[in-house]
Amino acid sequence: MQGRPLARFPSDFHFSLSTFTSAGTDGALKSYADNRHGYMTLEVSAATLKGDFYTVPHPQEAWGNPADHHDSFTLDLKSHRVS
């Protein structure tokens, strides 16, 4: 079984997610780091779900540069509130 070929985009291609809101809430999901690669870490406990997003250097930048903490959230699992 062969996999599908990877999509190829022009080197100047940037995408941006629109703001996503959910009816009945005051929360919104927004994307601001659409020009950097990155990763997210998640910590889960009985009381909270905590996420941290980090951006990393571009291939042409020094690999020794540290990841940059870009954004974070904490979801209280009991009250369903995000901070």
N, C-alpha and C. Protein backbone atom coordinates (compact mmCIF):
# COMPACT_ATOMS: atom_id res chain seq x y z
N MET A 1 0.84 -1.18 0.00
CA MET A 1 0.00 0.00 0.00
C MET A 1 0.88 1.24 0.00
N GLN A 2 0.63 2.13 -0.92
CA GLN A 2 1.42 3.35 -1.02
C GLN A 2 0.71 4.49 -0.31
N GLY A 3 1.50 5.33 0.35
CA GLY A 3 0.93 6.51 0.98
C GLY A 3 0.71 7.61 -0.03
N ARG A 4 -0.04 8.60 0.35
CA ARG A 4 -0.28 9.74 -0.52
C ARG A 4 0.95 10.63 -0.52
N PRO A 5 1.23 11.31 -1.64
CA PRO A 5 2.39 12.22 -1.66
C PRO A 5 2.14 13.41 -0.74
N LEU A 6 3.22 13.94 -0.19
CA LEU A 6 3.11 15.12 0.67
C LEU A 6 2.73 16.33 -0.17
N ALA A 7 1.93 17.21 0.40
CA ALA A 7 1.56 18.45 -0.29
C ALA A 7 2.78 19.36 -0.36
N ARG A 8 2.92 20.04 -1.45
CA ARG A 8 4.02 20.99 -1.61
C ARG A 8 3.43 22.39 -1.77
N PHE A 9 4.00 23.34 -1.03
CA PHE A 9 3.52 24.71 -1.07
C PHE A 9 4.67 25.62 -1.48
N PRO A 10 4.37 26.74 -2.11
CA PRO A 10 5.43 27.70 -2.43
C PRO A 10 6.13 28.15 -1.15
N SER A 11 7.39 28.53 -1.26
CA SER A 11 8.16 28.91 -0.07
C SER A 11 7.59 30.14 0.63
N ASP A 12 6.82 30.98 -0.07
CA ASP A 12 6.24 32.16 0.56
C ASP A 12 4.80 31.92 1.01
N PHE A 13 4.36 30.67 1.02
CA PHE A 13 2.99 30.34 1.41
C PHE A 13 2.82 30.45 2.92
N HIS A 14 1.78 31.17 3.35
CA HIS A 14 1.43 31.26 4.77
C HIS A 14 -0.07 31.05 4.88
N PHE A 15 -0.47 30.27 5.85
CA PHE A 15 -1.90 30.12 6.08
C PHE A 15 -2.24 30.73 7.43
N SER A 16 -3.48 31.07 7.60
CA SER A 16 -3.92 31.64 8.86
C SER A 16 -5.29 31.10 9.19
N LEU A 17 -5.46 30.67 10.40
CA LEU A 17 -6.75 30.19 10.84
C LEU A 17 -7.60 31.37 11.24
N SER A 18 -8.85 31.33 10.88
CA SER A 18 -9.77 32.36 11.32
C SER A 18 -10.07 32.16 12.80
N THR A 19 -10.57 33.18 13.42
CA THR A 19 -11.00 33.05 14.81
C THR A 19 -12.17 32.09 14.87
N PHE A 20 -12.09 31.14 15.77
CA PHE A 20 -13.15 30.16 15.94
C PHE A 20 -13.78 30.39 17.30
N THR A 21 -15.07 30.60 17.33
CA THR A 21 -15.78 30.77 18.60
C THR A 21 -16.83 29.68 18.72
N SER A 22 -17.22 29.42 19.94
CA SER A 22 -18.23 28.40 20.22
C SER A 22 -19.44 29.08 20.84
N ALA A 23 -20.61 28.82 20.29
CA ALA A 23 -21.84 29.45 20.79
C ALA A 23 -22.02 29.17 22.28
N GLY A 24 -22.41 30.18 23.01
CA GLY A 24 -22.67 30.03 24.43
C GLY A 24 -21.44 30.15 25.31
N THR A 25 -20.29 30.48 24.70
CA THR A 25 -19.06 30.66 25.49
C THR A 25 -18.44 32.00 25.13
N ASP A 26 -17.50 32.43 25.96
CA ASP A 26 -16.77 33.65 25.64
C ASP A 26 -15.35 33.33 25.18
N GLY A 27 -15.08 32.05 24.91
CA GLY A 27 -13.75 31.63 24.47
C GLY A 27 -13.59 31.76 22.97
N ALA A 28 -12.35 31.89 22.53
CA ALA A 28 -12.05 31.96 21.10
C ALA A 28 -10.71 31.29 20.86
N LEU A 29 -10.58 30.61 19.73
CA LEU A 29 -9.33 30.01 19.32
C LEU A 29 -8.77 30.87 18.19
N LYS A 30 -7.54 31.33 18.34
CA LYS A 30 -6.90 32.16 17.34
C LYS A 30 -5.52 31.61 17.03
N SER A 31 -5.05 31.84 15.83
CA SER A 31 -3.72 31.41 15.44
C SER A 31 -2.88 32.62 15.11
N TYR A 32 -1.74 32.75 15.76
CA TYR A 32 -0.86 33.87 15.50
C TYR A 32 0.53 33.43 15.04
N ALA A 33 0.89 32.18 15.25
CA ALA A 33 2.21 31.69 14.87
C ALA A 33 2.12 30.86 13.61
N ASP A 34 1.56 31.44 12.56
CA ASP A 34 1.38 30.68 11.32
C ASP A 34 2.62 30.71 10.43
N ASN A 35 3.69 31.36 10.86
CA ASN A 35 4.90 31.39 10.06
C ASN A 35 6.08 30.69 10.74
N ARG A 36 5.81 29.92 11.78
CA ARG A 36 6.85 29.18 12.51
C ARG A 36 6.38 27.77 12.76
N HIS A 37 7.32 26.84 12.77
CA HIS A 37 7.02 25.49 13.22
C HIS A 37 7.01 25.52 14.74
N GLY A 38 6.38 24.55 15.35
CA GLY A 38 6.35 24.51 16.80
C GLY A 38 5.78 23.21 17.31
N TYR A 39 5.62 23.16 18.61
CA TYR A 39 5.06 21.98 19.25
C TYR A 39 4.30 22.39 20.51
N MET A 40 3.42 21.52 20.95
CA MET A 40 2.63 21.78 22.15
C MET A 40 2.90 20.69 23.17
N THR A 41 3.04 21.11 24.41
CA THR A 41 3.12 20.15 25.51
C THR A 41 1.82 20.23 26.29
N LEU A 42 1.38 19.10 26.80
CA LEU A 42 0.16 19.04 27.61
C LEU A 42 0.46 18.40 28.94
N GLU A 43 -0.06 18.97 30.00
CA GLU A 43 0.01 18.39 31.34
C GLU A 43 -1.41 18.14 31.79
N VAL A 44 -1.67 16.93 32.23
CA VAL A 44 -3.02 16.57 32.67
C VAL A 44 -2.96 16.13 34.13
N SER A 45 -3.86 16.68 34.92
CA SER A 45 -4.01 16.25 36.31
C SER A 45 -5.50 16.01 36.56
N ALA A 46 -5.84 15.61 37.73
CA ALA A 46 -7.25 15.39 38.06
C ALA A 46 -8.04 16.69 38.01
N ALA A 47 -7.37 17.82 38.20
CA ALA A 47 -8.06 19.11 38.29
C ALA A 47 -7.92 19.98 37.04
N THR A 48 -6.82 19.83 36.28
CA THR A 48 -6.58 20.75 35.17
C THR A 48 -5.99 20.06 33.94
N LEU A 49 -6.12 20.75 32.83
CA LEU A 49 -5.43 20.42 31.59
C LEU A 49 -4.67 21.67 31.21
N LYS A 50 -3.34 21.57 31.13
CA LYS A 50 -2.51 22.74 30.85
C LYS A 50 -1.76 22.50 29.55
N GLY A 51 -1.81 23.48 28.65
CA GLY A 51 -1.10 23.40 27.38
C GLY A 51 -0.15 24.56 27.21
N ASP A 52 1.02 24.27 26.66
CA ASP A 52 2.02 25.29 26.34
C ASP A 52 2.45 25.09 24.90
N PHE A 53 2.47 26.18 24.10
CA PHE A 53 2.89 26.11 22.72
C PHE A 53 4.23 26.82 22.57
N TYR A 54 5.15 26.15 21.89
CA TYR A 54 6.50 26.67 21.66
C TYR A 54 6.77 26.74 20.17
N THR A 55 7.44 27.80 19.72
CA THR A 55 7.90 27.87 18.34
C THR A 55 9.38 27.51 18.34
N VAL A 56 9.85 27.00 17.19
CA VAL A 56 11.24 26.56 17.07
C VAL A 56 11.89 27.29 15.91
N PRO A 57 13.24 27.29 15.86
CA PRO A 57 13.94 27.99 14.78
C PRO A 57 13.63 27.40 13.41
N HIS A 58 13.69 28.26 12.39
CA HIS A 58 13.60 27.82 11.00
C HIS A 58 14.86 27.02 10.68
N PRO A 59 14.81 26.15 9.65
CA PRO A 59 16.00 25.37 9.29
C PRO A 59 17.23 26.24 9.00
N GLN A 60 17.04 27.43 8.46
CA GLN A 60 18.19 28.28 8.13
C GLN A 60 18.71 29.04 9.35
N GLU A 61 18.03 28.97 10.48
CA GLU A 61 18.48 29.63 11.71
C GLU A 61 19.33 28.67 12.53
N ALA A 62 20.06 29.21 13.47
CA ALA A 62 20.93 28.39 14.31
C ALA A 62 20.10 27.38 15.10
N TRP A 63 20.47 26.10 14.98
CA TRP A 63 19.72 25.04 15.68
C TRP A 63 19.89 25.13 17.19
N GLY A 64 20.91 25.82 17.64
CA GLY A 64 21.12 25.97 19.07
C GLY A 64 20.20 26.98 19.72
N ASN A 65 19.48 27.75 18.91
CA ASN A 65 18.54 28.72 19.48
C ASN A 65 17.46 27.96 20.25
N PRO A 66 17.09 28.44 21.42
CA PRO A 66 16.07 27.73 22.19
C PRO A 66 14.67 27.91 21.61
N ALA A 67 13.79 26.99 21.95
CA ALA A 67 12.38 27.13 21.59
C ALA A 67 11.83 28.35 22.31
N ASP A 68 10.89 29.03 21.69
CA ASP A 68 10.30 30.24 22.27
C ASP A 68 8.89 29.92 22.77
N HIS A 69 8.63 30.17 24.05
CA HIS A 69 7.31 29.93 24.62
C HIS A 69 6.36 30.97 24.04
N HIS A 70 5.42 30.52 23.20
CA HIS A 70 4.56 31.45 22.47
C HIS A 70 3.20 31.68 23.12
N ASP A 71 2.61 30.64 23.69
CA ASP A 71 1.27 30.78 24.26
C ASP A 71 1.00 29.63 25.22
N SER A 72 0.00 29.82 26.08
CA SER A 72 -0.36 28.76 27.03
C SER A 72 -1.81 28.92 27.45
N PHE A 73 -2.33 27.86 28.02
CA PHE A 73 -3.67 27.90 28.60
C PHE A 73 -3.75 26.88 29.72
N THR A 74 -4.68 27.11 30.62
CA THR A 74 -5.00 26.14 31.67
C THR A 74 -6.51 26.01 31.71
N LEU A 75 -6.99 24.80 31.59
CA LEU A 75 -8.42 24.51 31.65
C LEU A 75 -8.72 23.87 32.98
N ASP A 76 -9.56 24.51 33.77
CA ASP A 76 -10.03 23.94 35.04
C ASP A 76 -11.12 22.93 34.68
N LEU A 77 -10.85 21.66 34.94
CA LEU A 77 -11.78 20.61 34.52
C LEU A 77 -13.08 20.57 35.31
N LYS A 78 -13.06 21.16 36.49
CA LYS A 78 -14.28 21.19 37.31
C LYS A 78 -15.20 22.32 36.90
N SER A 79 -14.64 23.52 36.72
CA SER A 79 -15.48 24.69 36.40
C SER A 79 -15.60 24.91 34.89
N HIS A 80 -14.78 24.21 34.10
CA HIS A 80 -14.78 24.35 32.65
C HIS A 80 -14.37 25.77 32.23
N ARG A 81 -13.48 26.38 33.00
CA ARG A 81 -12.99 27.73 32.71
C ARG A 81 -11.55 27.67 32.24
N VAL A 82 -11.23 28.51 31.27
CA VAL A 82 -9.87 28.61 30.74
C VAL A 82 -9.21 29.87 31.25
N SER A 83 -7.96 29.75 31.64
CA SER A 83 -7.20 30.93 32.04
C SER A 83 -5.85 30.91 31.36
